[in-house]
Amino acid sequence: MDNNLQKIFSQIEQIQDDFEKQIQAADSTEAVEKIRIEFLGKKGHVQSLFPYLGRLDPKDRPLLGAKLNELKNSIKDAIEKRLQEFKSKRKPIEFFDPTLPGKAVPIGGIHPLMQVLDEIKQIFVGMGFRIEDGPEIETDYYNFEALNIPADHPSRDMHDTFYLTDQYLLRTHTSPVQIRTMQKQIPPIRMIAPGRCFRKDTPDATHSPIFHQVEGLCVDKGVSFADLKGVIQAFAQKLFGKGIKVRFRPSFFPFTEPSAEYDFSCIFCKGAGCRVCKNTGWLEISGAGMVDPAVFRYVDYDPDVYSGYAFGMGVERIAMLKYQVNDIRIFFENDLRFLEQF
């Protein structure tokens, strides 16, 4: 036998071996189709051998032709057999009745925290407040210094802060948005800043290292503490009903003077005293006060001309009261048994 013919026969055996390995490893009809193209396509391995027929001695051509046809038919048969194996494994098509009602597709919903946050936004927008936004990664200047909290101020002890670098940190409140807004525009300003905040709190029933706040700011000529009380009272009645009462208690915050903490009358016992309000009839909400003149100087507002009030509230705290949830952690656990109730 001619040496060239022997080499071609060796190639045929190699192609046959490669094909058998691939066809046995094929795990889908798509994989079988790729193998068919690779071996039987116009530019496939088998077709690439046919040009050798014209280069052989005439007496050897019938031998090669018969061998190539045998290879081609063998591959075709093996492919067909493999496809039949896949077809036999398919489940029979069940009878489908198009007149039957369709199956309900589970859909998602708005998270209860976001529901409460949307309601808070709607209430304040209805009272003429604009929604402002700011970065969650803040500078030390906006998060502390411009809010009258210099580096050596003892009030920094109130914040256990996530520092990223010496100058950048995860904001501990949304108050920096108030500074950024005042830098961009002149009074009158009437805004709220909803958003996510971060503190190094150990998670428990009432604390979380990630939480949501809504802080408000109003700056204009002649703004008084009475305006602040009126806004908080109107918000409380809109959110919890007309029977809700609000009280203010003296407190201290470095960015407001005078400062106060405000409480809502207990929505569970209507102020009579119960376990939730520790028999006081009141539920603590958050802090508020008149903007400290020192803060105005950081944004080039004249404190002799303008005055303003600021307030804040925790969205989780409001949601816990509204939905009677006694553990803040459940808002972040993604338990469908809880979430599907909303």
C-alpha atoms as a PDB file:
ATOM      1  CA  MET A   1       0.000   0.000   0.000  1.00  0.00           C
ATOM      2  CA  ASP A   2       1.228   3.466  -0.897  1.00  0.00           C
ATOM      3  CA  ASN A   3       2.739   5.435   2.011  1.00  0.00           C
ATOM      4  CA  ASN A   4       0.462   8.387   1.311  1.00  0.00           C
ATOM      5  CA  LEU A   5      -2.565   6.133   1.465  1.00  0.00           C
ATOM      6  CA  GLN A   6      -1.393   4.729   4.783  1.00  0.00           C
ATOM      7  CA  LYS A   7      -1.110   8.248   6.211  1.00  0.00           C
ATOM      8  CA  ILE A   8      -4.639   9.061   5.058  1.00  0.00           C
ATOM      9  CA  PHE A   9      -5.972   5.846   6.618  1.00  0.00           C
ATOM     10  CA  SER A  10      -4.259   6.852   9.886  1.00  0.00           C
ATOM     11  CA  GLN A  11      -6.008  10.233   9.726  1.00  0.00           C
ATOM     12  CA  ILE A  12      -9.344   8.446   9.139  1.00  0.00           C
ATOM     13  CA  GLU A  13      -8.794   6.286  12.227  1.00  0.00           C
ATOM     14  CA  GLN A  14      -7.911   9.375  14.294  1.00  0.00           C
ATOM     15  CA  ILE A  15     -11.035  11.190  13.087  1.00  0.00           C
ATOM     16  CA  GLN A  16     -13.135   8.124  13.932  1.00  0.00           C
ATOM     17  CA  ASP A  17     -11.678   7.989  17.460  1.00  0.00           C
ATOM     18  CA  ASP A  18     -12.194  11.720  18.064  1.00  0.00           C
ATOM     19  CA  PHE A  19     -15.764  11.513  16.834  1.00  0.00           C
ATOM     20  CA  GLU A  20     -16.668   8.552  19.073  1.00  0.00           C
ATOM     21  CA  LYS A  21     -15.296  10.323  22.157  1.00  0.00           C
ATOM     22  CA  GLN A  22     -17.209  13.512  21.416  1.00  0.00           C
ATOM     23  CA  ILE A  23     -20.519  11.860  20.497  1.00  0.00           C
ATOM     24  CA  GLN A  24     -20.531   9.841  23.723  1.00  0.00           C
ATOM     25  CA  ALA A  25     -19.807  12.985  25.769  1.00  0.00           C
ATOM     26  CA  ALA A  26     -22.561  15.012  24.059  1.00  0.00           C
ATOM     27  CA  ASP A  27     -25.280  15.876  26.590  1.00  0.00           C
ATOM     28  CA  SER A  28     -27.821  17.661  24.404  1.00  0.00           C
ATOM     29  CA  THR A  29     -29.154  17.862  20.858  1.00  0.00           C
ATOM     30  CA  GLU A  30     -27.361  21.185  20.505  1.00  0.00           C
ATOM     31  CA  ALA A  31     -24.051  19.525  21.316  1.00  0.00           C
ATOM     32  CA  VAL A  32     -24.760  16.772  18.761  1.00  0.00           C
ATOM     33  CA  GLU A  33     -25.459  19.399  16.086  1.00  0.00           C
ATOM     34  CA  LYS A  34     -22.105  21.067  16.760  1.00  0.00           C
ATOM     35  CA  ILE A  35     -20.374  17.702  16.375  1.00  0.00           C
ATOM     36  CA  ARG A  36     -22.213  17.048  13.078  1.00  0.00           C
ATOM     37  CA  ILE A  37     -21.007  20.363  11.663  1.00  0.00           C
ATOM     38  CA  GLU A  38     -17.470  19.739  12.894  1.00  0.00           C
ATOM     39  CA  PHE A  39     -17.195  16.336  11.200  1.00  0.00           C
ATOM     40  CA  LEU A  40     -19.699  16.376   8.284  1.00  0.00           C
ATOM     41  CA  GLY A  41     -19.958  20.058   7.443  1.00  0.00           C
ATOM     42  CA  LYS A  42     -18.617  21.577   4.214  1.00  0.00           C
ATOM     43  CA  LYS A  43     -15.415  22.438   6.002  1.00  0.00           C
ATOM     44  CA  GLY A  44     -15.566  19.431   8.353  1.00  0.00           C
ATOM     45  CA  HIS A  45     -12.918  16.802   9.046  1.00  0.00           C
ATOM     46  CA  VAL A  46     -14.408  14.183   6.687  1.00  0.00           C
ATOM     47  CA  GLN A  47     -14.850  16.555   3.752  1.00  0.00           C
ATOM     48  CA  SER A  48     -11.245  17.731   4.109  1.00  0.00           C
ATOM     49  CA  LEU A  49     -10.042  14.216   3.167  1.00  0.00           C
ATOM     50  CA  PHE A  50     -11.846  13.927  -0.189  1.00  0.00           C
ATOM     51  CA  PRO A  51      -9.325  16.136  -2.122  1.00  0.00           C
ATOM     52  CA  TYR A  52      -6.727  13.398  -1.492  1.00  0.00           C
ATOM     53  CA  LEU A  53      -8.553  11.176  -4.023  1.00  0.00           C
ATOM     54  CA  GLY A  54      -7.199  13.201  -6.947  1.00  0.00           C
ATOM     55  CA  ARG A  55      -3.646  12.965  -5.685  1.00  0.00           C
ATOM     56  CA  LEU A  56      -3.438   9.159  -5.388  1.00  0.00           C
ATOM     57  CA  ASP A  57      -2.523   6.547  -7.866  1.00  0.00           C
ATOM     58  CA  PRO A  58      -5.693   5.548  -9.821  1.00  0.00           C
ATOM     59  CA  LYS A  59      -5.552   2.001  -8.482  1.00  0.00           C
ATOM     60  CA  ASP A  60      -5.650   3.286  -4.863  1.00  0.00           C
ATOM     61  CA  ARG A  61      -8.558   5.688  -5.335  1.00  0.00           C
ATOM     62  CA  PRO A  62     -11.329   3.052  -4.944  1.00  0.00           C
ATOM     63  CA  LEU A  63      -9.835   1.965  -1.608  1.00  0.00           C
ATOM     64  CA  LEU A  64      -9.811   5.501  -0.235  1.00  0.00           C
ATOM     65  CA  GLY A  65     -13.250   6.297  -1.665  1.00  0.00           C
ATOM     66  CA  ALA A  66     -14.783   3.248  -0.004  1.00  0.00           C
ATOM     67  CA  LYS A  67     -13.074   4.096   3.308  1.00  0.00           C
ATOM     68  CA  LEU A  68     -14.291   7.698   3.235  1.00  0.00           C
ATOM     69  CA  ASN A  69     -17.871   6.669   2.449  1.00  0.00           C
ATOM     70  CA  GLU A  70     -17.725   4.132   5.246  1.00  0.00           C
ATOM     71  CA  LEU A  71     -16.502   6.845   7.664  1.00  0.00           C
ATOM     72  CA  LYS A  72     -19.150   9.288   6.535  1.00  0.00           C
ATOM     73  CA  ASN A  73     -22.003   6.780   6.869  1.00  0.00           C
ATOM     74  CA  SER A  74     -20.714   5.590  10.222  1.00  0.00           C
ATOM     75  CA  ILE A  75     -20.730   9.130  11.591  1.00  0.00           C
ATOM     76  CA  LYS A  76     -24.215   9.790  10.200  1.00  0.00           C
ATOM     77  CA  ASP A  77     -25.582   6.633  11.797  1.00  0.00           C
ATOM     78  CA  ALA A  78     -23.982   7.386  15.155  1.00  0.00           C
ATOM     79  CA  ILE A  79     -25.388  10.926  15.139  1.00  0.00           C
ATOM     80  CA  GLU A  80     -28.879   9.689  14.312  1.00  0.00           C
ATOM     81  CA  LYS A  81     -28.682   7.071  17.044  1.00  0.00           C
ATOM     82  CA  ARG A  82     -27.569   9.676  19.607  1.00  0.00           C
ATOM     83  CA  LEU A  83     -30.422  11.998  18.664  1.00  0.00           C
ATOM     84  CA  GLN A  84     -32.917   9.152  19.047  1.00  0.00           C
ATOM     85  CA  GLU A  85     -31.565   8.513  22.545  1.00  0.00           C
ATOM     86  CA  PHE A  86     -32.295  12.127  23.516  1.00  0.00           C
ATOM     87  CA  LYS A  87     -35.781  11.950  22.015  1.00  0.00           C
ATOM     88  CA  SER A  88     -36.600   8.789  23.953  1.00  0.00           C
ATOM     89  CA  LYS A  89     -35.639  10.507  27.214  1.00  0.00           C
ATOM     90  CA  ARG A  90     -38.020  13.430  26.695  1.00  0.00           C
ATOM     91  CA  LYS A  91     -41.146  13.468  28.806  1.00  0.00           C
ATOM     92  CA  PRO A  92     -44.337  12.987  26.856  1.00  0.00           C
ATOM     93  CA  ILE A  93     -46.251  16.205  26.247  1.00  0.00           C
ATOM     94  CA  GLU A  94     -49.108  16.428  28.714  1.00  0.00           C
ATOM     95  CA  PHE A  95     -52.520  17.419  27.486  1.00  0.00           C
ATOM     96  CA  PHE A  96     -52.974  21.163  27.812  1.00  0.00           C
ATOM     97  CA  ASP A  97     -56.429  22.672  28.243  1.00  0.00           C
ATOM     98  CA  PRO A  98     -56.266  26.367  27.202  1.00  0.00           C
ATOM     99  CA  THR A  99     -59.659  27.036  28.819  1.00  0.00           C
ATOM    100  CA  LEU A 100     -58.317  26.427  32.342  1.00  0.00           C
ATOM    101  CA  PRO A 101     -57.375  29.494  34.439  1.00  0.00           C
ATOM    102  CA  GLY A 102     -53.673  30.294  34.505  1.00  0.00           C
ATOM    103  CA  LYS A 103     -51.406  29.731  37.477  1.00  0.00           C
ATOM    104  CA  ALA A 104     -50.735  32.787  39.619  1.00  0.00           C
ATOM    105  CA  VAL A 105     -47.189  34.044  39.208  1.00  0.00           C
ATOM    106  CA  PRO A 106     -45.665  35.238  42.495  1.00  0.00           C
ATOM    107  CA  ILE A 107     -44.773  38.919  42.323  1.00  0.00           C
ATOM    108  CA  GLY A 108     -42.722  41.111  44.591  1.00  0.00           C
ATOM    109  CA  GLY A 109     -43.897  44.054  46.603  1.00  0.00           C
ATOM    110  CA  ILE A 110     -42.606  47.253  48.141  1.00  0.00           C
ATOM    111  CA  HIS A 111     -40.606  46.646  51.313  1.00  0.00           C
ATOM    112  CA  PRO A 112     -42.455  47.838  54.444  1.00  0.00           C
ATOM    113  CA  LEU A 113     -39.641  50.293  55.230  1.00  0.00           C
ATOM    114  CA  MET A 114     -39.958  51.788  51.762  1.00  0.00           C
ATOM    115  CA  GLN A 115     -43.742  51.953  52.154  1.00  0.00           C
ATOM    116  CA  VAL A 116     -43.338  54.002  55.326  1.00  0.00           C
ATOM    117  CA  LEU A 117     -40.627  56.134  53.734  1.00  0.00           C
ATOM    118  CA  ASP A 118     -42.869  56.857  50.727  1.00  0.00           C
ATOM    119  CA  GLU A 119     -45.703  57.861  53.057  1.00  0.00           C
ATOM    120  CA  ILE A 120     -43.399  60.195  55.007  1.00  0.00           C
ATOM    121  CA  LYS A 121     -42.222  61.786  51.755  1.00  0.00           C
ATOM    122  CA  GLN A 122     -45.791  62.307  50.525  1.00  0.00           C
ATOM    123  CA  ILE A 123     -46.816  63.997  53.771  1.00  0.00           C
ATOM    124  CA  PHE A 124     -43.929  66.478  53.755  1.00  0.00           C
ATOM    125  CA  VAL A 125     -44.171  67.119  50.005  1.00  0.00           C
ATOM    126  CA  GLY A 126     -47.829  67.922  50.637  1.00  0.00           C
ATOM    127  CA  MET A 127     -46.696  70.548  53.173  1.00  0.00           C
ATOM    128  CA  GLY A 128     -44.395  72.203  50.644  1.00  0.00           C
ATOM    129  CA  PHE A 129     -41.085  70.460  51.353  1.00  0.00           C
ATOM    130  CA  ARG A 130     -38.740  69.445  48.540  1.00  0.00           C
ATOM    131  CA  ILE A 131     -36.830  66.156  48.542  1.00  0.00           C
ATOM    132  CA  GLU A 132     -33.040  66.537  48.428  1.00  0.00           C
ATOM    133  CA  ASP A 133     -30.414  63.819  48.149  1.00  0.00           C
ATOM    134  CA  GLY A 134     -26.733  63.477  48.974  1.00  0.00           C
ATOM    135  CA  PRO A 135     -23.866  60.935  48.933  1.00  0.00           C
ATOM    136  CA  GLU A 136     -23.685  58.100  51.445  1.00  0.00           C
ATOM    137  CA  ILE A 137     -19.886  58.404  51.493  1.00  0.00           C
ATOM    138  CA  GLU A 138     -19.292  61.792  53.085  1.00  0.00           C
ATOM    139  CA  THR A 139     -16.380  63.966  54.088  1.00  0.00           C
ATOM    140  CA  ASP A 140     -15.576  64.744  57.683  1.00  0.00           C
ATOM    141  CA  TYR A 141     -16.344  68.392  56.911  1.00  0.00           C
ATOM    142  CA  TYR A 142     -19.957  67.876  55.837  1.00  0.00           C
ATOM    143  CA  ASN A 143     -20.745  65.123  58.343  1.00  0.00           C
ATOM    144  CA  PHE A 144     -19.311  66.903  61.375  1.00  0.00           C
ATOM    145  CA  GLU A 145     -17.481  70.213  61.057  1.00  0.00           C
ATOM    146  CA  ALA A 146     -20.045  72.183  59.023  1.00  0.00           C
ATOM    147  CA  LEU A 147     -22.700  71.021  61.506  1.00  0.00           C
ATOM    148  CA  ASN A 148     -20.819  72.745  64.320  1.00  0.00           C
ATOM    149  CA  ILE A 149     -19.089  69.521  65.400  1.00  0.00           C
ATOM    150  CA  PRO A 150     -15.326  70.276  65.252  1.00  0.00           C
ATOM    151  CA  ALA A 151     -12.696  67.590  65.782  1.00  0.00           C
ATOM    152  CA  ASP A 152     -12.422  68.148  69.546  1.00  0.00           C
ATOM    153  CA  HIS A 153     -16.160  68.536  70.164  1.00  0.00           C
ATOM    154  CA  PRO A 154     -17.464  66.083  72.815  1.00  0.00           C
ATOM    155  CA  SER A 155     -20.630  65.477  70.794  1.00  0.00           C
ATOM    156  CA  ARG A 156     -18.564  63.325  68.389  1.00  0.00           C
ATOM    157  CA  ASP A 157     -18.633  60.710  71.109  1.00  0.00           C
ATOM    158  CA  MET A 158     -22.316  60.239  70.197  1.00  0.00           C
ATOM    159  CA  HIS A 159     -21.325  58.842  66.819  1.00  0.00           C
ATOM    160  CA  ASP A 160     -19.444  55.586  66.414  1.00  0.00           C
ATOM    161  CA  THR A 161     -18.441  56.217  62.832  1.00  0.00           C
ATOM    162  CA  PHE A 162     -17.350  53.953  59.971  1.00  0.00           C
ATOM    163  CA  TYR A 163     -14.230  55.789  58.704  1.00  0.00           C
ATOM    164  CA  LEU A 164     -12.961  54.863  55.231  1.00  0.00           C
ATOM    165  CA  THR A 165      -9.949  57.206  55.353  1.00  0.00           C
ATOM    166  CA  ASP A 166      -8.952  60.153  57.537  1.00  0.00           C
ATOM    167  CA  GLN A 167     -11.324  62.373  55.552  1.00  0.00           C
ATOM    168  CA  TYR A 168     -13.995  60.045  54.179  1.00  0.00           C
ATOM    169  CA  LEU A 169     -16.610  58.101  56.092  1.00  0.00           C
ATOM    170  CA  LEU A 170     -20.054  56.513  55.817  1.00  0.00           C
ATOM    171  CA  ARG A 171     -22.468  59.249  56.849  1.00  0.00           C
ATOM    172  CA  THR A 172     -23.900  58.879  60.348  1.00  0.00           C
ATOM    173  CA  HIS A 173     -27.002  60.962  59.537  1.00  0.00           C
ATOM    174  CA  THR A 174     -28.549  62.754  56.550  1.00  0.00           C
ATOM    175  CA  SER A 175     -27.826  66.206  58.026  1.00  0.00           C
ATOM    176  CA  PRO A 176     -24.912  66.740  55.567  1.00  0.00           C
ATOM    177  CA  VAL A 177     -27.551  67.075  52.831  1.00  0.00           C
ATOM    178  CA  GLN A 178     -28.841  70.181  54.642  1.00  0.00           C
ATOM    179  CA  ILE A 179     -25.397  71.804  54.393  1.00  0.00           C
ATOM    180  CA  ARG A 180     -25.004  70.892  50.727  1.00  0.00           C
ATOM    181  CA  THR A 181     -28.453  72.286  49.942  1.00  0.00           C
ATOM    182  CA  MET A 182     -27.807  75.573  51.744  1.00  0.00           C
ATOM    183  CA  GLN A 183     -24.514  75.948  49.874  1.00  0.00           C
ATOM    184  CA  LYS A 184     -26.328  75.638  46.542  1.00  0.00           C
ATOM    185  CA  GLN A 185     -29.208  78.053  47.101  1.00  0.00           C
ATOM    186  CA  ILE A 186     -30.324  81.041  49.107  1.00  0.00           C
ATOM    187  CA  PRO A 187     -33.372  81.060  51.394  1.00  0.00           C
ATOM    188  CA  PRO A 188     -36.212  80.357  51.490  1.00  0.00           C
ATOM    189  CA  ILE A 189     -35.473  76.644  51.858  1.00  0.00           C
ATOM    190  CA  ARG A 190     -37.964  73.966  52.779  1.00  0.00           C
ATOM    191  CA  MET A 191     -36.547  70.472  52.281  1.00  0.00           C
ATOM    192  CA  ILE A 192     -36.332  66.930  53.606  1.00  0.00           C
ATOM    193  CA  ALA A 193     -33.382  64.564  53.182  1.00  0.00           C
ATOM    194  CA  PRO A 194     -34.382  60.889  53.296  1.00  0.00           C
ATOM    195  CA  GLY A 195     -31.671  58.274  53.052  1.00  0.00           C
ATOM    196  CA  ARG A 196     -29.588  55.472  54.461  1.00  0.00           C
ATOM    197  CA  CYS A 197     -27.146  56.017  57.331  1.00  0.00           C
ATOM    198  CA  PHE A 198     -24.473  53.951  59.078  1.00  0.00           C
ATOM    199  CA  ARG A 199     -23.181  53.683  62.642  1.00  0.00           C
ATOM    200  CA  LYS A 200     -21.189  51.066  64.522  1.00  0.00           C
ATOM    201  CA  ASP A 201     -24.165  49.913  66.538  1.00  0.00           C
ATOM    202  CA  THR A 202     -24.339  46.322  67.734  1.00  0.00           C
ATOM    203  CA  PRO A 203     -27.497  44.817  66.198  1.00  0.00           C
ATOM    204  CA  ASP A 204     -30.257  44.211  68.719  1.00  0.00           C
ATOM    205  CA  ALA A 205     -34.020  44.689  68.931  1.00  0.00           C
ATOM    206  CA  THR A 206     -33.782  48.490  68.598  1.00  0.00           C
ATOM    207  CA  HIS A 207     -30.395  49.129  66.933  1.00  0.00           C
ATOM    208  CA  SER A 208     -28.889  48.378  63.529  1.00  0.00           C
ATOM    209  CA  PRO A 209     -25.595  49.464  61.911  1.00  0.00           C
ATOM    210  CA  ILE A 210     -27.631  50.345  58.800  1.00  0.00           C
ATOM    211  CA  PHE A 211     -30.761  52.444  59.189  1.00  0.00           C
ATOM    212  CA  HIS A 212     -32.834  55.097  57.404  1.00  0.00           C
ATOM    213  CA  GLN A 213     -33.434  58.691  58.414  1.00  0.00           C
ATOM    214  CA  VAL A 214     -35.517  61.585  57.208  1.00  0.00           C
ATOM    215  CA  GLU A 215     -34.183  64.989  58.217  1.00  0.00           C
ATOM    216  CA  GLY A 216     -35.961  68.227  57.515  1.00  0.00           C
ATOM    217  CA  LEU A 217     -34.869  71.847  57.221  1.00  0.00           C
ATOM    218  CA  CYS A 218     -36.708  75.128  56.853  1.00  0.00           C
ATOM    219  CA  VAL A 219     -34.849  78.448  56.530  1.00  0.00           C
ATOM    220  CA  ASP A 220     -36.441  81.844  55.922  1.00  0.00           C
ATOM    221  CA  LYS A 221     -36.975  85.179  57.534  1.00  0.00           C
ATOM    222  CA  GLY A 222     -39.007  85.036  60.723  1.00  0.00           C
ATOM    223  CA  VAL A 223     -39.054  81.248  61.188  1.00  0.00           C
ATOM    224  CA  SER A 224     -39.781  80.340  64.815  1.00  0.00           C
ATOM    225  CA  PHE A 225     -39.965  77.349  67.121  1.00  0.00           C
ATOM    226  CA  ALA A 226     -43.738  77.561  66.858  1.00  0.00           C
ATOM    227  CA  ASP A 227     -43.441  76.780  63.128  1.00  0.00           C
ATOM    228  CA  LEU A 228     -41.407  73.678  63.968  1.00  0.00           C
ATOM    229  CA  LYS A 229     -44.003  72.486  66.472  1.00  0.00           C
ATOM    230  CA  GLY A 230     -46.791  73.046  63.970  1.00  0.00           C
ATOM    231  CA  VAL A 231     -45.064  71.019  61.242  1.00  0.00           C
ATOM    232  CA  ILE A 232     -44.291  68.076  63.552  1.00  0.00           C
ATOM    233  CA  GLN A 233     -47.866  68.123  64.918  1.00  0.00           C
ATOM    234  CA  ALA A 234     -49.337  68.148  61.398  1.00  0.00           C
ATOM    235  CA  PHE A 235     -47.038  65.309  60.331  1.00  0.00           C
ATOM    236  CA  ALA A 236     -47.936  63.161  63.364  1.00  0.00           C
ATOM    237  CA  GLN A 237     -51.684  63.609  62.821  1.00  0.00           C
ATOM    238  CA  LYS A 238     -51.395  62.833  59.125  1.00  0.00           C
ATOM    239  CA  LEU A 239     -49.412  59.646  59.779  1.00  0.00           C
ATOM    240  CA  PHE A 240     -51.154  58.278  62.893  1.00  0.00           C
ATOM    241  CA  GLY A 241     -54.508  60.079  63.037  1.00  0.00           C
ATOM    242  CA  LYS A 242     -55.959  63.275  64.451  1.00  0.00           C
ATOM    243  CA  GLY A 243     -55.938  61.977  68.036  1.00  0.00           C
ATOM    244  CA  ILE A 244     -52.119  61.924  68.231  1.00  0.00           C
ATOM    245  CA  LYS A 245     -50.378  64.453  70.470  1.00  0.00           C
ATOM    246  CA  VAL A 246     -46.817  65.766  70.392  1.00  0.00           C
ATOM    247  CA  ARG A 247     -44.625  66.993  73.231  1.00  0.00           C
ATOM    248  CA  PHE A 248     -41.167  68.574  73.181  1.00  0.00           C
ATOM    249  CA  ARG A 249     -38.511  68.048  75.855  1.00  0.00           C
ATOM    250  CA  PRO A 250     -35.333  70.187  76.219  1.00  0.00           C
ATOM    251  CA  SER A 251     -32.213  68.488  74.889  1.00  0.00           C
ATOM    252  CA  PHE A 252     -28.870  69.292  73.248  1.00  0.00           C
ATOM    253  CA  PHE A 253     -27.619  68.945  69.697  1.00  0.00           C
ATOM    254  CA  PRO A 254     -24.547  70.849  68.439  1.00  0.00           C
ATOM    255  CA  PHE A 255     -26.269  72.016  65.236  1.00  0.00           C
ATOM    256  CA  THR A 256     -29.469  73.384  66.834  1.00  0.00           C
ATOM    257  CA  GLU A 257     -30.080  75.926  69.604  1.00  0.00           C
ATOM    258  CA  PRO A 258     -32.443  75.654  71.357  1.00  0.00           C
ATOM    259  CA  SER A 259     -32.726  71.879  70.913  1.00  0.00           C
ATOM    260  CA  ALA A 260     -35.444  69.434  71.869  1.00  0.00           C
ATOM    261  CA  GLU A 261     -36.473  65.815  71.635  1.00  0.00           C
ATOM    262  CA  TYR A 262     -40.053  65.200  70.603  1.00  0.00           C
ATOM    263  CA  ASP A 263     -42.437  62.379  71.517  1.00  0.00           C
ATOM    264  CA  PHE A 264     -45.763  61.167  70.157  1.00  0.00           C
ATOM    265  CA  SER A 265     -48.547  60.069  72.450  1.00  0.00           C
ATOM    266  CA  CYS A 266     -48.658  56.273  72.529  1.00  0.00           C
ATOM    267  CA  ILE A 267     -50.613  54.992  69.549  1.00  0.00           C
ATOM    268  CA  PHE A 268     -51.323  51.702  71.338  1.00  0.00           C
ATOM    269  CA  CYS A 269     -52.862  52.915  74.603  1.00  0.00           C
ATOM    270  CA  LYS A 270     -53.879  56.422  73.415  1.00  0.00           C
ATOM    271  CA  GLY A 271     -51.752  57.954  76.178  1.00  0.00           C
ATOM    272  CA  ALA A 272     -53.199  55.925  79.059  1.00  0.00           C
ATOM    273  CA  GLY A 273     -49.979  53.977  79.672  1.00  0.00           C
ATOM    274  CA  CYS A 274     -49.018  50.469  78.552  1.00  0.00           C
ATOM    275  CA  ARG A 275     -46.062  48.096  78.223  1.00  0.00           C
ATOM    276  CA  VAL A 276     -44.955  49.571  74.903  1.00  0.00           C
ATOM    277  CA  CYS A 277     -44.649  53.133  76.243  1.00  0.00           C
ATOM    278  CA  LYS A 278     -43.443  51.890  79.666  1.00  0.00           C
ATOM    279  CA  ASN A 279     -46.617  53.318  81.212  1.00  0.00           C
ATOM    280  CA  THR A 280     -45.611  56.902  80.358  1.00  0.00           C
ATOM    281  CA  GLY A 281     -48.195  57.409  77.625  1.00  0.00           C
ATOM    282  CA  TRP A 282     -45.469  58.727  75.290  1.00  0.00           C
ATOM    283  CA  LEU A 283     -43.231  57.247  72.596  1.00  0.00           C
ATOM    284  CA  GLU A 284     -39.843  58.867  71.897  1.00  0.00           C
ATOM    285  CA  ILE A 285     -39.393  59.740  68.203  1.00  0.00           C
ATOM    286  CA  SER A 286     -36.323  61.920  67.555  1.00  0.00           C
ATOM    287  CA  GLY A 287     -34.715  65.345  67.888  1.00  0.00           C
ATOM    288  CA  ALA A 288     -35.332  68.836  66.540  1.00  0.00           C
ATOM    289  CA  GLY A 289     -34.532  72.479  67.181  1.00  0.00           C
ATOM    290  CA  MET A 290     -33.698  75.881  65.745  1.00  0.00           C
ATOM    291  CA  VAL A 291     -30.656  75.933  63.477  1.00  0.00           C
ATOM    292  CA  ASP A 292     -27.634  77.156  65.400  1.00  0.00           C
ATOM    293  CA  PRO A 293     -26.295  80.479  64.025  1.00  0.00           C
ATOM    294  CA  ALA A 294     -22.844  78.884  63.884  1.00  0.00           C
ATOM    295  CA  VAL A 295     -24.122  76.504  61.189  1.00  0.00           C
ATOM    296  CA  PHE A 296     -25.385  79.446  59.099  1.00  0.00           C
ATOM    297  CA  ARG A 297     -21.913  80.924  59.082  1.00  0.00           C
ATOM    298  CA  TYR A 298     -20.533  77.803  57.365  1.00  0.00           C
ATOM    299  CA  VAL A 299     -22.896  78.416  54.425  1.00  0.00           C
ATOM    300  CA  ASP A 300     -22.601  82.252  54.397  1.00  0.00           C
ATOM    301  CA  TYR A 301     -26.134  82.895  55.671  1.00  0.00           C
ATOM    302  CA  ASP A 302     -26.594  85.967  57.858  1.00  0.00           C
ATOM    303  CA  PRO A 303     -28.051  84.688  61.172  1.00  0.00           C
ATOM    304  CA  ASP A 304     -29.310  88.208  61.885  1.00  0.00           C
ATOM    305  CA  VAL A 305     -31.515  87.999  58.787  1.00  0.00           C
ATOM    306  CA  TYR A 306     -32.463  84.329  58.553  1.00  0.00           C
ATOM    307  CA  SER A 307     -33.610  81.743  61.051  1.00  0.00           C
ATOM    308  CA  GLY A 308     -34.638  78.144  60.587  1.00  0.00           C
ATOM    309  CA  TYR A 309     -35.554  74.862  62.185  1.00  0.00           C
ATOM    310  CA  ALA A 310     -34.345  71.317  61.636  1.00  0.00           C
ATOM    311  CA  PHE A 311     -35.753  67.967  62.659  1.00  0.00           C
ATOM    312  CA  GLY A 312     -35.057  64.298  62.150  1.00  0.00           C
ATOM    313  CA  MET A 313     -36.733  60.943  62.498  1.00  0.00           C
ATOM    314  CA  GLY A 314     -35.819  57.295  62.077  1.00  0.00           C
ATOM    315  CA  VAL A 315     -37.823  55.453  59.416  1.00  0.00           C
ATOM    316  CA  GLU A 316     -37.375  52.111  61.207  1.00  0.00           C
ATOM    317  CA  ARG A 317     -38.691  53.660  64.426  1.00  0.00           C
ATOM    318  CA  ILE A 318     -41.787  54.980  62.656  1.00  0.00           C
ATOM    319  CA  ALA A 319     -42.318  51.635  60.873  1.00  0.00           C
ATOM    320  CA  MET A 320     -42.009  49.703  64.134  1.00  0.00           C
ATOM    321  CA  LEU A 321     -44.753  51.861  65.647  1.00  0.00           C
ATOM    322  CA  LYS A 322     -46.964  51.818  62.578  1.00  0.00           C
ATOM    323  CA  TYR A 323     -46.795  48.041  62.058  1.00  0.00           C
ATOM    324  CA  GLN A 324     -46.364  47.098  65.752  1.00  0.00           C
ATOM    325  CA  VAL A 325     -43.022  45.370  65.141  1.00  0.00           C
ATOM    326  CA  ASN A 326     -40.920  44.858  68.260  1.00  0.00           C
ATOM    327  CA  ASP A 327     -37.564  43.968  66.670  1.00  0.00           C
ATOM    328  CA  ILE A 328     -35.806  46.182  64.092  1.00  0.00           C
ATOM    329  CA  ARG A 329     -33.756  43.253  62.768  1.00  0.00           C
ATOM    330  CA  ILE A 330     -36.754  41.659  61.105  1.00  0.00           C
ATOM    331  CA  PHE A 331     -36.797  44.492  58.530  1.00  0.00           C
ATOM    332  CA  PHE A 332     -33.398  43.337  57.225  1.00  0.00           C
ATOM    333  CA  GLU A 333     -33.741  39.544  57.378  1.00  0.00           C
ATOM    334  CA  ASN A 334     -35.761  39.144  54.121  1.00  0.00           C
ATOM    335  CA  ASP A 335     -38.098  36.634  55.753  1.00  0.00           C
ATOM    336  CA  LEU A 336     -40.931  36.115  53.256  1.00  0.00           C
ATOM    337  CA  ARG A 337     -43.326  35.161  56.048  1.00  0.00           C
ATOM    338  CA  PHE A 338     -42.951  38.709  57.328  1.00  0.00           C
ATOM    339  CA  LEU A 339     -42.640  40.571  54.013  1.00  0.00           C
ATOM    340  CA  GLU A 340     -45.675  38.922  52.408  1.00  0.00           C
ATOM    341  CA  GLN A 341     -47.896  40.564  55.039  1.00  0.00           C
ATOM    342  CA  PHE A 342     -47.276  43.894  53.338  1.00  0.00           C
END
